[in-house]
Amino acid sequence: MDLINFENTSPEQREELAERLDDLLQNYEVYHNNIRKIHWERSLHPYLDFNSKVDFLHKVSSSSQNKLAEQVLSLGKSPSVAAHTPSYLPSKLFIRGIDRVEGFEDAVQTLIGTSKELLEEVKDIFYLAADYQEESTMEQMNMLASQLSMTAFVFSSVRLSIMN
């Protein structure tokens, strides 16, 4: 594991980044749980191309979630995980969890909408990390932004192809 150099970042700046990343992690957990519910929704199984993409997204989001938690740790904070931590604050969640998927259109709109919401927060954290010259967080936010942008694009395309 590479050691991270925090020469340019004060302890207060690392704390602020860790807090923002931890909030993102909690929202990302809700996003991941939504993907899991969509993945296992039986009514969506006839859409084979859609299901293979959701399956891939499920794996990618799990990996991204772990990387976010590792980044929070590297900044000196223990990550809070929404479903398992008493300190988790629902007021910090901006991603809405779903109970059930009401069909293909609902599933696609959920994936596109939540990807875009997460993307906005990722951009904000990227700019904050850039201000603090914290390259490790910038790199991770860049990777997440690419994934989330691609997710919104792919599922918009899948929606158009199935609707036509």
C-alpha atoms as a PDB file:
ATOM      1  CA  MET A   1       0.000   0.000   0.000  1.00  0.00           C
ATOM      2  CA  ASP A   2       1.372   3.422  -0.926  1.00  0.00           C
ATOM      3  CA  LEU A   3       1.883   5.954   1.810  1.00  0.00           C
ATOM      4  CA  ILE A   4      -0.005   9.169   1.216  1.00  0.00           C
ATOM      5  CA  ASN A   5       1.873  12.426   1.590  1.00  0.00           C
ATOM      6  CA  PHE A   6      -0.197  15.142   3.277  1.00  0.00           C
ATOM      7  CA  GLU A   7       2.462  17.904   3.174  1.00  0.00           C
ATOM      8  CA  ASN A   8       0.105  20.448   1.625  1.00  0.00           C
ATOM      9  CA  THR A   9      -2.940  19.517   3.688  1.00  0.00           C
ATOM     10  CA  SER A  10      -3.573  20.696   7.233  1.00  0.00           C
ATOM     11  CA  PRO A  11      -5.231  18.410   9.813  1.00  0.00           C
ATOM     12  CA  GLU A  12      -8.376  20.584   9.609  1.00  0.00           C
ATOM     13  CA  GLN A  13      -8.491  20.215   5.836  1.00  0.00           C
ATOM     14  CA  ARG A  14      -8.038  16.431   6.078  1.00  0.00           C
ATOM     15  CA  GLU A  15     -10.844  16.327   8.659  1.00  0.00           C
ATOM     16  CA  GLU A  16     -13.173  18.310   6.385  1.00  0.00           C
ATOM     17  CA  LEU A  17     -12.380  16.082   3.406  1.00  0.00           C
ATOM     18  CA  ALA A  18     -12.875  12.962   5.525  1.00  0.00           C
ATOM     19  CA  GLU A  19     -16.277  14.242   6.702  1.00  0.00           C
ATOM     20  CA  ARG A  20     -17.405  15.032   3.156  1.00  0.00           C
ATOM     21  CA  LEU A  21     -16.172  11.657   1.908  1.00  0.00           C
ATOM     22  CA  ASP A  22     -17.903   9.886   4.776  1.00  0.00           C
ATOM     23  CA  ASP A  23     -21.195  11.625   3.901  1.00  0.00           C
ATOM     24  CA  LEU A  24     -20.665  10.583   0.275  1.00  0.00           C
ATOM     25  CA  LEU A  25     -19.963   7.024   1.429  1.00  0.00           C
ATOM     26  CA  GLN A  26     -23.259   6.913   3.325  1.00  0.00           C
ATOM     27  CA  ASN A  27     -25.133   8.121   0.254  1.00  0.00           C
ATOM     28  CA  TYR A  28     -23.199   5.706  -1.914  1.00  0.00           C
ATOM     29  CA  GLU A  29     -24.364   2.885   0.317  1.00  0.00           C
ATOM     30  CA  VAL A  30     -27.989   3.853  -0.334  1.00  0.00           C
ATOM     31  CA  TYR A  31     -27.176   4.010  -4.065  1.00  0.00           C
ATOM     32  CA  HIS A  32     -25.605   0.537  -3.906  1.00  0.00           C
ATOM     33  CA  ASN A  33     -28.635  -0.859  -2.043  1.00  0.00           C
ATOM     34  CA  ASN A  34     -30.934   0.620  -4.713  1.00  0.00           C
ATOM     35  CA  ILE A  35     -28.862  -1.096  -7.405  1.00  0.00           C
ATOM     36  CA  ARG A  36     -29.138  -4.392  -5.526  1.00  0.00           C
ATOM     37  CA  LYS A  37     -32.926  -4.060  -5.300  1.00  0.00           C
ATOM     38  CA  ILE A  38     -33.148  -3.277  -9.008  1.00  0.00           C
ATOM     39  CA  HIS A  39     -30.809  -6.169  -9.807  1.00  0.00           C
ATOM     40  CA  TRP A  40     -33.025  -8.670  -7.997  1.00  0.00           C
ATOM     41  CA  GLU A  41     -36.364  -7.321  -9.244  1.00  0.00           C
ATOM     42  CA  ARG A  42     -37.991 -10.241 -11.079  1.00  0.00           C
ATOM     43  CA  SER A  43     -40.175  -8.064 -13.287  1.00  0.00           C
ATOM     44  CA  LEU A  44     -37.025  -6.680 -14.953  1.00  0.00           C
ATOM     45  CA  HIS A  45     -35.542 -10.064 -15.941  1.00  0.00           C
ATOM     46  CA  PRO A  46     -36.976 -10.035 -19.489  1.00  0.00           C
ATOM     47  CA  TYR A  47     -34.694  -7.048 -20.190  1.00  0.00           C
ATOM     48  CA  LEU A  48     -31.526  -9.144 -20.525  1.00  0.00           C
ATOM     49  CA  ASP A  49     -29.237  -6.360 -21.740  1.00  0.00           C
ATOM     50  CA  PHE A  50     -30.476  -4.156 -18.914  1.00  0.00           C
ATOM     51  CA  ASN A  51     -29.873  -6.888 -16.331  1.00  0.00           C
ATOM     52  CA  SER A  52     -26.308  -7.536 -17.457  1.00  0.00           C
ATOM     53  CA  LYS A  53     -25.551  -3.822 -17.156  1.00  0.00           C
ATOM     54  CA  VAL A  54     -27.138  -3.634 -13.686  1.00  0.00           C
ATOM     55  CA  ASP A  55     -25.126  -6.689 -12.631  1.00  0.00           C
ATOM     56  CA  PHE A  56     -21.919  -4.996 -13.770  1.00  0.00           C
ATOM     57  CA  LEU A  57     -22.944  -1.739 -12.042  1.00  0.00           C
ATOM     58  CA  HIS A  58     -23.591  -3.680  -8.824  1.00  0.00           C
ATOM     59  CA  LYS A  59     -20.030  -5.026  -8.862  1.00  0.00           C
ATOM     60  CA  VAL A  60     -18.484  -1.657  -9.730  1.00  0.00           C
ATOM     61  CA  SER A  61     -20.444   0.202  -7.052  1.00  0.00           C
ATOM     62  CA  SER A  62     -19.348  -2.310  -4.415  1.00  0.00           C
ATOM     63  CA  SER A  63     -15.709  -1.775  -5.349  1.00  0.00           C
ATOM     64  CA  SER A  64     -16.150   2.015  -5.374  1.00  0.00           C
ATOM     65  CA  GLN A  65     -17.792   1.884  -1.976  1.00  0.00           C
ATOM     66  CA  ASN A  66     -14.762   0.052  -0.556  1.00  0.00           C
ATOM     67  CA  LYS A  67     -12.369   2.558  -2.124  1.00  0.00           C
ATOM     68  CA  LEU A  68     -14.326   5.450  -0.625  1.00  0.00           C
ATOM     69  CA  ALA A  69     -14.115   3.846   2.805  1.00  0.00           C
ATOM     70  CA  GLU A  70     -10.361   3.350   2.374  1.00  0.00           C
ATOM     71  CA  GLN A  71      -9.948   7.018   1.420  1.00  0.00           C
ATOM     72  CA  VAL A  72     -11.855   8.094   4.545  1.00  0.00           C
ATOM     73  CA  LEU A  73      -9.505   5.869   6.566  1.00  0.00           C
ATOM     74  CA  SER A  74      -6.431   7.323   4.866  1.00  0.00           C
ATOM     75  CA  LEU A  75      -7.567  10.795   5.911  1.00  0.00           C
ATOM     76  CA  GLY A  76      -7.650   9.677   9.540  1.00  0.00           C
ATOM     77  CA  LYS A  77     -11.349   8.986  10.172  1.00  0.00           C
ATOM     78  CA  SER A  78     -13.246   5.754  10.633  1.00  0.00           C
ATOM     79  CA  PRO A  79     -15.940   5.482   7.970  1.00  0.00           C
ATOM     80  CA  SER A  80     -19.563   5.502   9.074  1.00  0.00           C
ATOM     81  CA  VAL A  81     -21.723   3.053   7.223  1.00  0.00           C
ATOM     82  CA  ALA A  82     -25.367   4.102   7.162  1.00  0.00           C
ATOM     83  CA  ALA A  83     -26.989   0.765   7.867  1.00  0.00           C
ATOM     84  CA  HIS A  84     -24.547  -0.277  10.582  1.00  0.00           C
ATOM     85  CA  THR A  85     -23.444   2.824  12.463  1.00  0.00           C
ATOM     86  CA  PRO A  86     -25.449   4.592  15.169  1.00  0.00           C
ATOM     87  CA  SER A  87     -23.716   7.902  14.321  1.00  0.00           C
ATOM     88  CA  TYR A  88     -25.207   7.875  10.819  1.00  0.00           C
ATOM     89  CA  LEU A  89     -27.422  10.920  10.300  1.00  0.00           C
ATOM     90  CA  PRO A  90     -30.329  10.525   7.874  1.00  0.00           C
ATOM     91  CA  SER A  91     -30.245  14.308   7.382  1.00  0.00           C
ATOM     92  CA  LYS A  92     -26.936  13.875   5.529  1.00  0.00           C
ATOM     93  CA  LEU A  93     -28.515  11.554   2.985  1.00  0.00           C
ATOM     94  CA  PHE A  94     -29.516  13.100  -0.308  1.00  0.00           C
ATOM     95  CA  ILE A  95     -30.033   9.791  -2.123  1.00  0.00           C
ATOM     96  CA  ARG A  96     -33.497   8.357  -1.570  1.00  0.00           C
ATOM     97  CA  GLY A  97     -33.623   4.656  -0.875  1.00  0.00           C
ATOM     98  CA  ILE A  98     -36.203   2.646  -2.767  1.00  0.00           C
ATOM     99  CA  ASP A  99     -38.428  -0.016  -1.266  1.00  0.00           C
ATOM    100  CA  ARG A 100     -39.587  -1.542  -4.511  1.00  0.00           C
ATOM    101  CA  VAL A 101     -39.153  -0.959  -8.216  1.00  0.00           C
ATOM    102  CA  GLU A 102     -42.361  -0.223 -10.101  1.00  0.00           C
ATOM    103  CA  GLY A 103     -41.079  -1.391 -13.480  1.00  0.00           C
ATOM    104  CA  PHE A 104     -38.435  -0.764 -16.086  1.00  0.00           C
ATOM    105  CA  GLU A 105     -38.971   3.004 -16.396  1.00  0.00           C
ATOM    106  CA  ASP A 106     -38.824   3.486 -12.615  1.00  0.00           C
ATOM    107  CA  ALA A 107     -35.625   1.425 -12.382  1.00  0.00           C
ATOM    108  CA  VAL A 108     -33.891   3.347 -15.157  1.00  0.00           C
ATOM    109  CA  GLN A 109     -34.974   6.743 -13.815  1.00  0.00           C
ATOM    110  CA  THR A 110     -33.726   5.755 -10.347  1.00  0.00           C
ATOM    111  CA  LEU A 111     -30.318   4.736 -11.710  1.00  0.00           C
ATOM    112  CA  ILE A 112     -29.933   7.838 -13.865  1.00  0.00           C
ATOM    113  CA  GLY A 113     -31.226  10.266 -11.236  1.00  0.00           C
ATOM    114  CA  THR A 114     -29.171   8.942  -8.347  1.00  0.00           C
ATOM    115  CA  SER A 115     -26.045   8.764 -10.505  1.00  0.00           C
ATOM    116  CA  LYS A 116     -26.477  12.443 -11.373  1.00  0.00           C
ATOM    117  CA  GLU A 117     -27.090  13.401  -7.724  1.00  0.00           C
ATOM    118  CA  LEU A 118     -23.951  11.574  -6.622  1.00  0.00           C
ATOM    119  CA  LEU A 119     -22.016  13.145  -9.485  1.00  0.00           C
ATOM    120  CA  GLU A 120     -22.810  16.650  -8.190  1.00  0.00           C
ATOM    121  CA  GLU A 121     -21.440  15.784  -4.737  1.00  0.00           C
ATOM    122  CA  VAL A 122     -18.381  14.102  -6.260  1.00  0.00           C
ATOM    123  CA  LYS A 123     -17.653  17.280  -8.237  1.00  0.00           C
ATOM    124  CA  ASP A 124     -17.940  19.420  -5.091  1.00  0.00           C
ATOM    125  CA  ILE A 125     -15.537  17.148  -3.204  1.00  0.00           C
ATOM    126  CA  PHE A 126     -13.143  17.156  -6.176  1.00  0.00           C
ATOM    127  CA  TYR A 127     -13.026  20.975  -6.139  1.00  0.00           C
ATOM    128  CA  LEU A 128     -12.522  21.019  -2.371  1.00  0.00           C
ATOM    129  CA  ALA A 129      -9.683  18.502  -2.665  1.00  0.00           C
ATOM    130  CA  ALA A 130      -8.181  20.593  -5.472  1.00  0.00           C
ATOM    131  CA  ASP A 131      -8.289  23.690  -3.257  1.00  0.00           C
ATOM    132  CA  TYR A 132      -6.455  21.704  -0.557  1.00  0.00           C
ATOM    133  CA  GLN A 133      -4.105  20.102  -3.108  1.00  0.00           C
ATOM    134  CA  GLU A 134      -5.057  16.625  -1.868  1.00  0.00           C
ATOM    135  CA  GLU A 135      -4.277  14.591  -4.967  1.00  0.00           C
ATOM    136  CA  SER A 136      -5.383  11.192  -3.704  1.00  0.00           C
ATOM    137  CA  THR A 137      -8.944  12.414  -3.111  1.00  0.00           C
ATOM    138  CA  MET A 138      -8.908  14.285  -6.422  1.00  0.00           C
ATOM    139  CA  GLU A 139      -7.894  11.108  -8.235  1.00  0.00           C
ATOM    140  CA  GLN A 140     -10.613   9.070  -6.580  1.00  0.00           C
ATOM    141  CA  MET A 141     -13.294  11.699  -7.270  1.00  0.00           C
ATOM    142  CA  ASN A 142     -12.180  11.813 -10.901  1.00  0.00           C
ATOM    143  CA  MET A 143     -12.605   8.035 -11.144  1.00  0.00           C
ATOM    144  CA  LEU A 144     -16.033   8.149  -9.474  1.00  0.00           C
ATOM    145  CA  ALA A 145     -17.149  11.024 -11.702  1.00  0.00           C
ATOM    146  CA  SER A 146     -16.217   8.967 -14.764  1.00  0.00           C
ATOM    147  CA  GLN A 147     -18.144   5.948 -13.474  1.00  0.00           C
ATOM    148  CA  LEU A 148     -21.242   7.945 -12.561  1.00  0.00           C
ATOM    149  CA  SER A 149     -21.257   9.856 -15.858  1.00  0.00           C
ATOM    150  CA  MET A 150     -20.921   6.610 -17.771  1.00  0.00           C
ATOM    151  CA  THR A 151     -23.718   5.028 -15.715  1.00  0.00           C
ATOM    152  CA  ALA A 152     -26.103   7.885 -16.524  1.00  0.00           C
ATOM    153  CA  PHE A 153     -25.146   7.699 -20.208  1.00  0.00           C
ATOM    154  CA  VAL A 154     -25.407   3.904 -20.494  1.00  0.00           C
ATOM    155  CA  PHE A 155     -28.781   3.656 -18.790  1.00  0.00           C
ATOM    156  CA  SER A 156     -30.142   6.587 -20.796  1.00  0.00           C
ATOM    157  CA  SER A 157     -29.068   4.687 -23.920  1.00  0.00           C
ATOM    158  CA  VAL A 158     -30.568   1.410 -22.703  1.00  0.00           C
ATOM    159  CA  ARG A 159     -33.815   3.203 -21.941  1.00  0.00           C
ATOM    160  CA  LEU A 160     -33.948   4.717 -25.424  1.00  0.00           C
ATOM    161  CA  SER A 161     -33.156   1.424 -27.138  1.00  0.00           C
ATOM    162  CA  ILE A 162     -35.819  -0.506 -25.228  1.00  0.00           C
ATOM    163  CA  MET A 163     -38.453   2.208 -25.520  1.00  0.00           C
ATOM    164  CA  ASN A 164     -38.033   2.410 -29.306  1.00  0.00           C
END
